[in-house]
Amino acid sequence: IRRSYGGAQPNISQELIRETYIPLLPMEAQQHIAAELKEEMALVTKSRKAIENQLEAINVLPQAILRKAFRGEL
């Protein structure tokens, strides 16, 4: 089915847009998916924070090793 008409640059008319059916899930299903995504995003945020904390610890480690080396603790 051809959905656009025109010359070199086809256009989409309001009529064609109005005639286009876009299937949507029932609101209950949409809300369920949104709730699941919210939970997943919370896990992502928690994981990201943990990784950032680990990266900070890794970045501090060489300085701590050098301090110990200069103190003769290694």
PDB file of N, CA and C in Angstrom:
ATOM      1  N   ILE A   1       0.859  -1.176   0.000  1.00  0.00           N
ATOM      2  CA  ILE A   1       0.000   0.000   0.000  1.00  0.00           C
ATOM      3  C   ILE A   1       0.891   1.220   0.000  1.00  0.00           C
ATOM      4  N   ARG A   2       0.629   2.072  -0.929  1.00  0.00           N
ATOM      5  CA  ARG A   2       1.411   3.301  -1.023  1.00  0.00           C
ATOM      6  C   ARG A   2       0.861   4.322  -0.044  1.00  0.00           C
ATOM      7  N   ARG A   3       1.715   4.865   0.818  1.00  0.00           N
ATOM      8  CA  ARG A   3       1.281   5.781   1.869  1.00  0.00           C
ATOM      9  C   ARG A   3       1.694   7.229   1.614  1.00  0.00           C
ATOM     10  N   SER A   4       2.467   7.480   0.570  1.00  0.00           N
ATOM     11  CA  SER A   4       2.870   8.868   0.308  1.00  0.00           C
ATOM     12  C   SER A   4       2.736   9.162  -1.175  1.00  0.00           C
ATOM     13  N   TYR A   5       2.514  10.415  -1.458  1.00  0.00           N
ATOM     14  CA  TYR A   5       2.325  10.866  -2.839  1.00  0.00           C
ATOM     15  C   TYR A   5       3.122  12.137  -3.040  1.00  0.00           C
ATOM     16  N   GLY A   6       3.458  12.421  -4.249  1.00  0.00           N
ATOM     17  CA  GLY A   6       4.145  13.668  -4.554  1.00  0.00           C
ATOM     18  C   GLY A   6       5.196  13.444  -5.609  1.00  0.00           C
ATOM     19  N   GLY A   7       5.999  14.457  -5.810  1.00  0.00           N
ATOM     20  CA  GLY A   7       7.045  14.397  -6.822  1.00  0.00           C
ATOM     21  C   GLY A   7       8.292  13.734  -6.285  1.00  0.00           C
ATOM     22  N   ALA A   8       9.416  14.433  -6.438  1.00  0.00           N
ATOM     23  CA  ALA A   8      10.697  13.890  -5.999  1.00  0.00           C
ATOM     24  C   ALA A   8      10.736  13.705  -4.491  1.00  0.00           C
ATOM     25  N   GLN A   9      10.069  14.588  -3.769  1.00  0.00           N
ATOM     26  CA  GLN A   9      10.012  14.491  -2.306  1.00  0.00           C
ATOM     27  C   GLN A   9       8.583  14.144  -1.908  1.00  0.00           C
ATOM     28  N   PRO A  10       8.285  12.869  -1.716  1.00  0.00           N
ATOM     29  CA  PRO A  10       6.913  12.496  -1.364  1.00  0.00           C
ATOM     30  C   PRO A  10       6.530  13.095  -0.016  1.00  0.00           C
ATOM     31  N   ASN A  11       5.235  13.357   0.152  1.00  0.00           N
ATOM     32  CA  ASN A  11       4.776  13.898   1.417  1.00  0.00           C
ATOM     33  C   ASN A  11       3.665  13.014   1.969  1.00  0.00           C
ATOM     34  N   ILE A  12       3.399  13.203   3.215  1.00  0.00           N
ATOM     35  CA  ILE A  12       2.355  12.431   3.879  1.00  0.00           C
ATOM     36  C   ILE A  12       1.266  13.411   4.288  1.00  0.00           C
ATOM     37  N   SER A  13       0.080  13.178   3.804  1.00  0.00           N
ATOM     38  CA  SER A  13      -1.021  14.082   4.106  1.00  0.00           C
ATOM     39  C   SER A  13      -1.648  13.746   5.454  1.00  0.00           C
ATOM     40  N   GLN A  14      -2.385  14.702   6.000  1.00  0.00           N
ATOM     41  CA  GLN A  14      -3.094  14.463   7.250  1.00  0.00           C
ATOM     42  C   GLN A  14      -4.093  13.320   7.090  1.00  0.00           C
ATOM     43  N   GLU A  15      -4.685  13.238   5.931  1.00  0.00           N
ATOM     44  CA  GLU A  15      -5.656  12.169   5.677  1.00  0.00           C
ATOM     45  C   GLU A  15      -5.002  10.797   5.818  1.00  0.00           C
ATOM     46  N   LEU A  16      -3.805  10.661   5.240  1.00  0.00           N
ATOM     47  CA  LEU A  16      -3.097   9.381   5.352  1.00  0.00           C
ATOM     48  C   LEU A  16      -2.718   9.083   6.794  1.00  0.00           C
ATOM     49  N   ILE A  17      -2.370  10.112   7.541  1.00  0.00           N
ATOM     50  CA  ILE A  17      -2.021   9.907   8.943  1.00  0.00           C
ATOM     51  C   ILE A  17      -3.248   9.454   9.719  1.00  0.00           C
ATOM     52  N   ARG A  18      -4.370  10.095   9.482  1.00  0.00           N
ATOM     53  CA  ARG A  18      -5.604   9.728  10.187  1.00  0.00           C
ATOM     54  C   ARG A  18      -6.022   8.289   9.877  1.00  0.00           C
ATOM     55  N   GLU A  19      -5.743   7.838   8.659  1.00  0.00           N
ATOM     56  CA  GLU A  19      -6.133   6.493   8.245  1.00  0.00           C
ATOM     57  C   GLU A  19      -5.182   5.412   8.759  1.00  0.00           C
ATOM     58  N   THR A  20      -4.011   5.814   9.249  1.00  0.00           N
ATOM     59  CA  THR A  20      -3.007   4.850   9.676  1.00  0.00           C
ATOM     60  C   THR A  20      -3.348   4.320  11.064  1.00  0.00           C
ATOM     61  N   TYR A  21      -3.449   3.002  11.159  1.00  0.00           N
ATOM     62  CA  TYR A  21      -3.765   2.348  12.420  1.00  0.00           C
ATOM     63  C   TYR A  21      -2.466   2.019  13.136  1.00  0.00           C
ATOM     64  N   ILE A  22      -2.365   2.435  14.380  1.00  0.00           N
ATOM     65  CA  ILE A  22      -1.198   2.133  15.197  1.00  0.00           C
ATOM     66  C   ILE A  22      -1.682   1.302  16.381  1.00  0.00           C
ATOM     67  N   PRO A  23      -1.357   0.022  16.397  1.00  0.00           N
ATOM     68  CA  PRO A  23      -1.837  -0.829  17.492  1.00  0.00           C
ATOM     69  C   PRO A  23      -1.109  -0.506  18.797  1.00  0.00           C
ATOM     70  N   LEU A  24      -1.870  -0.420  19.866  1.00  0.00           N
ATOM     71  CA  LEU A  24      -1.310  -0.173  21.188  1.00  0.00           C
ATOM     72  C   LEU A  24      -1.767  -1.271  22.143  1.00  0.00           C
ATOM     73  N   LEU A  25      -0.909  -1.559  23.103  1.00  0.00           N
ATOM     74  CA  LEU A  25      -1.285  -2.515  24.137  1.00  0.00           C
ATOM     75  C   LEU A  25      -2.327  -1.881  25.047  1.00  0.00           C
ATOM     76  N   PRO A  26      -3.132  -2.688  25.702  1.00  0.00           N
ATOM     77  CA  PRO A  26      -4.070  -2.137  26.681  1.00  0.00           C
ATOM     78  C   PRO A  26      -3.296  -1.374  27.768  1.00  0.00           C
ATOM     79  N   MET A  27      -3.945  -0.377  28.372  1.00  0.00           N
ATOM     80  CA  MET A  27      -3.295   0.473  29.363  1.00  0.00           C
ATOM     81  C   MET A  27      -2.692  -0.338  30.506  1.00  0.00           C
ATOM     82  N   GLU A  28      -3.382  -1.376  30.946  1.00  0.00           N
ATOM     83  CA  GLU A  28      -2.869  -2.213  32.038  1.00  0.00           C
ATOM     84  C   GLU A  28      -1.522  -2.833  31.658  1.00  0.00           C
ATOM     85  N   ALA A  29      -1.420  -3.318  30.431  1.00  0.00           N
ATOM     86  CA  ALA A  29      -0.166  -3.922  29.969  1.00  0.00           C
ATOM     87  C   ALA A  29       0.929  -2.863  29.862  1.00  0.00           C
ATOM     88  N   GLN A  30       0.580  -1.672  29.383  1.00  0.00           N
ATOM     89  CA  GLN A  30       1.555  -0.587  29.296  1.00  0.00           C
ATOM     90  C   GLN A  30       2.080  -0.224  30.680  1.00  0.00           C
ATOM     91  N   GLN A  31       1.179  -0.161  31.664  1.00  0.00           N
ATOM     92  CA  GLN A  31       1.579   0.180  33.027  1.00  0.00           C
ATOM     93  C   GLN A  31       2.465  -0.906  33.631  1.00  0.00           C
ATOM     94  N   HIS A  32       2.161  -2.159  33.320  1.00  0.00           N
ATOM     95  CA  HIS A  32       2.982  -3.275  33.805  1.00  0.00           C
ATOM     96  C   HIS A  32       4.397  -3.182  33.228  1.00  0.00           C
ATOM     97  N   ILE A  33       4.499  -2.918  31.947  1.00  0.00           N
ATOM     98  CA  ILE A  33       5.808  -2.783  31.297  1.00  0.00           C
ATOM     99  C   ILE A  33       6.562  -1.595  31.888  1.00  0.00           C
ATOM    100  N   ALA A  34       5.868  -0.482  32.094  1.00  0.00           N
ATOM    101  CA  ALA A  34       6.510   0.707  32.669  1.00  0.00           C
ATOM    102  C   ALA A  34       7.046   0.413  34.065  1.00  0.00           C
ATOM    103  N   ALA A  35       6.288  -0.335  34.861  1.00  0.00           N
ATOM    104  CA  ALA A  35       6.734  -0.682  36.212  1.00  0.00           C
ATOM    105  C   ALA A  35       7.980  -1.574  36.161  1.00  0.00           C
ATOM    106  N   GLU A  36       7.987  -2.538  35.250  1.00  0.00           N
ATOM    107  CA  GLU A  36       9.151  -3.412  35.103  1.00  0.00           C
ATOM    108  C   GLU A  36      10.382  -2.613  34.673  1.00  0.00           C
ATOM    109  N   LEU A  37      10.183  -1.698  33.727  1.00  0.00           N
ATOM    110  CA  LEU A  37      11.303  -0.873  33.269  1.00  0.00           C
ATOM    111  C   LEU A  37      11.832   0.012  34.390  1.00  0.00           C
ATOM    112  N   LYS A  38      10.944   0.515  35.219  1.00  0.00           N
ATOM    113  CA  LYS A  38      11.366   1.351  36.348  1.00  0.00           C
ATOM    114  C   LYS A  38      12.237   0.543  37.303  1.00  0.00           C
ATOM    115  N   GLU A  39      11.836  -0.704  37.581  1.00  0.00           N
ATOM    116  CA  GLU A  39      12.643  -1.581  38.439  1.00  0.00           C
ATOM    117  C   GLU A  39      14.011  -1.853  37.812  1.00  0.00           C
ATOM    118  N   GLU A  40      14.014  -2.123  36.522  1.00  0.00           N
ATOM    119  CA  GLU A  40      15.278  -2.401  35.834  1.00  0.00           C
ATOM    120  C   GLU A  40      16.193  -1.176  35.860  1.00  0.00           C
ATOM    121  N   MET A  41      15.615   0.004  35.676  1.00  0.00           N
ATOM    122  CA  MET A  41      16.417   1.230  35.716  1.00  0.00           C
ATOM    123  C   MET A  41      17.008   1.451  37.107  1.00  0.00           C
ATOM    124  N   ALA A  42      16.270   1.092  38.151  1.00  0.00           N
ATOM    125  CA  ALA A  42      16.796   1.204  39.511  1.00  0.00           C
ATOM    126  C   ALA A  42      18.012   0.288  39.680  1.00  0.00           C
ATOM    127  N   LEU A  43      17.940  -0.914  39.121  1.00  0.00           N
ATOM    128  CA  LEU A  43      19.074  -1.836  39.185  1.00  0.00           C
ATOM    129  C   LEU A  43      20.269  -1.304  38.400  1.00  0.00           C
ATOM    130  N   VAL A  44      19.999  -0.721  37.258  1.00  0.00           N
ATOM    131  CA  VAL A  44      21.071  -0.141  36.441  1.00  0.00           C
ATOM    132  C   VAL A  44      21.748   0.992  37.206  1.00  0.00           C
ATOM    133  N   THR A  45      20.954   1.845  37.835  1.00  0.00           N
ATOM    134  CA  THR A  45      21.503   2.963  38.597  1.00  0.00           C
ATOM    135  C   THR A  45      22.358   2.454  39.756  1.00  0.00           C
ATOM    136  N   LYS A  46      21.870   1.436  40.463  1.00  0.00           N
ATOM    137  CA  LYS A  46      22.615   0.857  41.577  1.00  0.00           C
ATOM    138  C   LYS A  46      23.935   0.242  41.088  1.00  0.00           C
ATOM    139  N   SER A  47      23.877  -0.480  39.972  1.00  0.00           N
ATOM    140  CA  SER A  47      25.085  -1.095  39.411  1.00  0.00           C
ATOM    141  C   SER A  47      26.081  -0.040  38.965  1.00  0.00           C
ATOM    142  N   ARG A  48      25.565   1.007  38.342  1.00  0.00           N
ATOM    143  CA  ARG A  48      26.453   2.080  37.873  1.00  0.00           C
ATOM    144  C   ARG A  48      27.179   2.724  39.047  1.00  0.00           C
ATOM    145  N   LYS A  49      26.464   2.976  40.131  1.00  0.00           N
ATOM    146  CA  LYS A  49      27.078   3.586  41.307  1.00  0.00           C
ATOM    147  C   LYS A  49      28.157   2.671  41.875  1.00  0.00           C
ATOM    148  N   ALA A  50      27.876   1.365  41.935  1.00  0.00           N
ATOM    149  CA  ALA A  50      28.863   0.411  42.441  1.00  0.00           C
ATOM    150  C   ALA A  50      30.114   0.405  41.566  1.00  0.00           C
ATOM    151  N   ILE A  51      29.928   0.457  40.264  1.00  0.00           N
ATOM    152  CA  ILE A  51      31.067   0.475  39.336  1.00  0.00           C
ATOM    153  C   ILE A  51      31.866   1.762  39.498  1.00  0.00           C
ATOM    154  N   GLU A  52      31.171   2.887  39.666  1.00  0.00           N
ATOM    155  CA  GLU A  52      31.873   4.163  39.873  1.00  0.00           C
ATOM    156  C   GLU A  52      32.695   4.121  41.158  1.00  0.00           C
ATOM    157  N   ASN A  53      32.144   3.525  42.210  1.00  0.00           N
ATOM    158  CA  ASN A  53      32.881   3.401  43.468  1.00  0.00           C
ATOM    159  C   ASN A  53      34.116   2.528  43.301  1.00  0.00           C
ATOM    160  N   GLN A  54      33.969   1.433  42.555  1.00  0.00           N
ATOM    161  CA  GLN A  54      35.106   0.549  42.307  1.00  0.00           C
ATOM    162  C   GLN A  54      36.178   1.268  41.493  1.00  0.00           C
ATOM    163  N   LEU A  55      35.754   2.048  40.522  1.00  0.00           N
ATOM    164  CA  LEU A  55      36.706   2.790  39.695  1.00  0.00           C
ATOM    165  C   LEU A  55      37.470   3.815  40.532  1.00  0.00           C
ATOM    166  N   GLU A  56      36.783   4.478  41.436  1.00  0.00           N
ATOM    167  CA  GLU A  56      37.464   5.424  42.331  1.00  0.00           C
ATOM    168  C   GLU A  56      38.521   4.701  43.166  1.00  0.00           C
ATOM    169  N   ALA A  57      38.167   3.529  43.685  1.00  0.00           N
ATOM    170  CA  ALA A  57      39.121   2.744  44.482  1.00  0.00           C
ATOM    171  C   ALA A  57      40.319   2.323  43.635  1.00  0.00           C
ATOM    172  N   ILE A  58      40.080   1.941  42.413  1.00  0.00           N
ATOM    173  CA  ILE A  58      41.162   1.535  41.507  1.00  0.00           C
ATOM    174  C   ILE A  58      42.077   2.716  41.215  1.00  0.00           C
ATOM    175  N   ASN A  59      41.504   3.888  41.025  1.00  0.00           N
ATOM    176  CA  ASN A  59      42.304   5.068  40.714  1.00  0.00           C
ATOM    177  C   ASN A  59      43.153   5.508  41.901  1.00  0.00           C
ATOM    178  N   VAL A  60      42.716   5.235  43.125  1.00  0.00           N
ATOM    179  CA  VAL A  60      43.462   5.607  44.324  1.00  0.00           C
ATOM    180  C   VAL A  60      44.565   4.594  44.621  1.00  0.00           C
ATOM    181  N   LEU A  61      44.393   3.380  44.180  1.00  0.00           N
ATOM    182  CA  LEU A  61      45.321   2.295  44.504  1.00  0.00           C
ATOM    183  C   LEU A  61      46.777   2.596  44.138  1.00  0.00           C
ATOM    184  N   PRO A  62      47.103   3.057  42.927  1.00  0.00           N
ATOM    185  CA  PRO A  62      48.519   3.314  42.608  1.00  0.00           C
ATOM    186  C   PRO A  62      49.154   4.336  43.558  1.00  0.00           C
ATOM    187  N   GLN A  63      48.415   5.353  43.949  1.00  0.00           N
ATOM    188  CA  GLN A  63      48.957   6.357  44.864  1.00  0.00           C
ATOM    189  C   GLN A  63      49.269   5.727  46.221  1.00  0.00           C
ATOM    190  N   ALA A  64      48.379   4.865  46.695  1.00  0.00           N
ATOM    191  CA  ALA A  64      48.598   4.198  47.980  1.00  0.00           C
ATOM    192  C   ALA A  64      49.814   3.287  47.910  1.00  0.00           C
ATOM    193  N   ILE A  65      49.984   2.593  46.808  1.00  0.00           N
ATOM    194  CA  ILE A  65      51.144   1.700  46.645  1.00  0.00           C
ATOM    195  C   ILE A  65      52.429   2.513  46.623  1.00  0.00           C
ATOM    196  N   LEU A  66      52.439   3.643  45.927  1.00  0.00           N
ATOM    197  CA  LEU A  66      53.641   4.482  45.881  1.00  0.00           C
ATOM    198  C   LEU A  66      53.973   5.019  47.272  1.00  0.00           C
ATOM    199  N   ARG A  67      52.968   5.440  48.023  1.00  0.00           N
ATOM    200  CA  ARG A  67      53.229   5.933  49.379  1.00  0.00           C
ATOM    201  C   ARG A  67      53.892   4.850  50.239  1.00  0.00           C
ATOM    202  N   LYS A  68      53.364   3.634  50.154  1.00  0.00           N
ATOM    203  CA  LYS A  68      53.935   2.527  50.924  1.00  0.00           C
ATOM    204  C   LYS A  68      55.360   2.229  50.469  1.00  0.00           C
ATOM    205  N   ALA A  69      55.580   2.297  49.158  1.00  0.00           N
ATOM    206  CA  ALA A  69      56.915   2.018  48.630  1.00  0.00           C
ATOM    207  C   ALA A  69      57.920   3.048  49.156  1.00  0.00           C
ATOM    208  N   PHE A  70      57.552   4.318  49.163  1.00  0.00           N
ATOM    209  CA  PHE A  70      58.471   5.351  49.637  1.00  0.00           C
ATOM    210  C   PHE A  70      58.680   5.267  51.144  1.00  0.00           C
ATOM    211  N   ARG A  71      57.730   4.712  51.869  1.00  0.00           N
ATOM    212  CA  ARG A  71      57.886   4.521  53.320  1.00  0.00           C
ATOM    213  C   ARG A  71      58.641   3.231  53.629  1.00  0.00           C
ATOM    214  N   GLY A  72      58.911   2.440  52.607  1.00  0.00           N
ATOM    215  CA  GLY A  72      59.598   1.174  52.813  1.00  0.00           C
ATOM    216  C   GLY A  72      58.689   0.087  53.368  1.00  0.00           C
ATOM    217  N   GLU A  73      57.405   0.225  53.148  1.00  0.00           N
ATOM    218  CA  GLU A  73      56.447  -0.744  53.683  1.00  0.00           C
ATOM    219  C   GLU A  73      56.192  -1.910  52.727  1.00  0.00           C
ATOM    220  N   LEU A  74      56.784  -1.881  51.562  1.00  0.00           N
ATOM    221  CA  LEU A  74      56.551  -2.981  50.601  1.00  0.00           C
ATOM    222  C   LEU A  74      57.692  -3.961  50.606  1.00  0.00           C
TER     223      LEU A  74
END
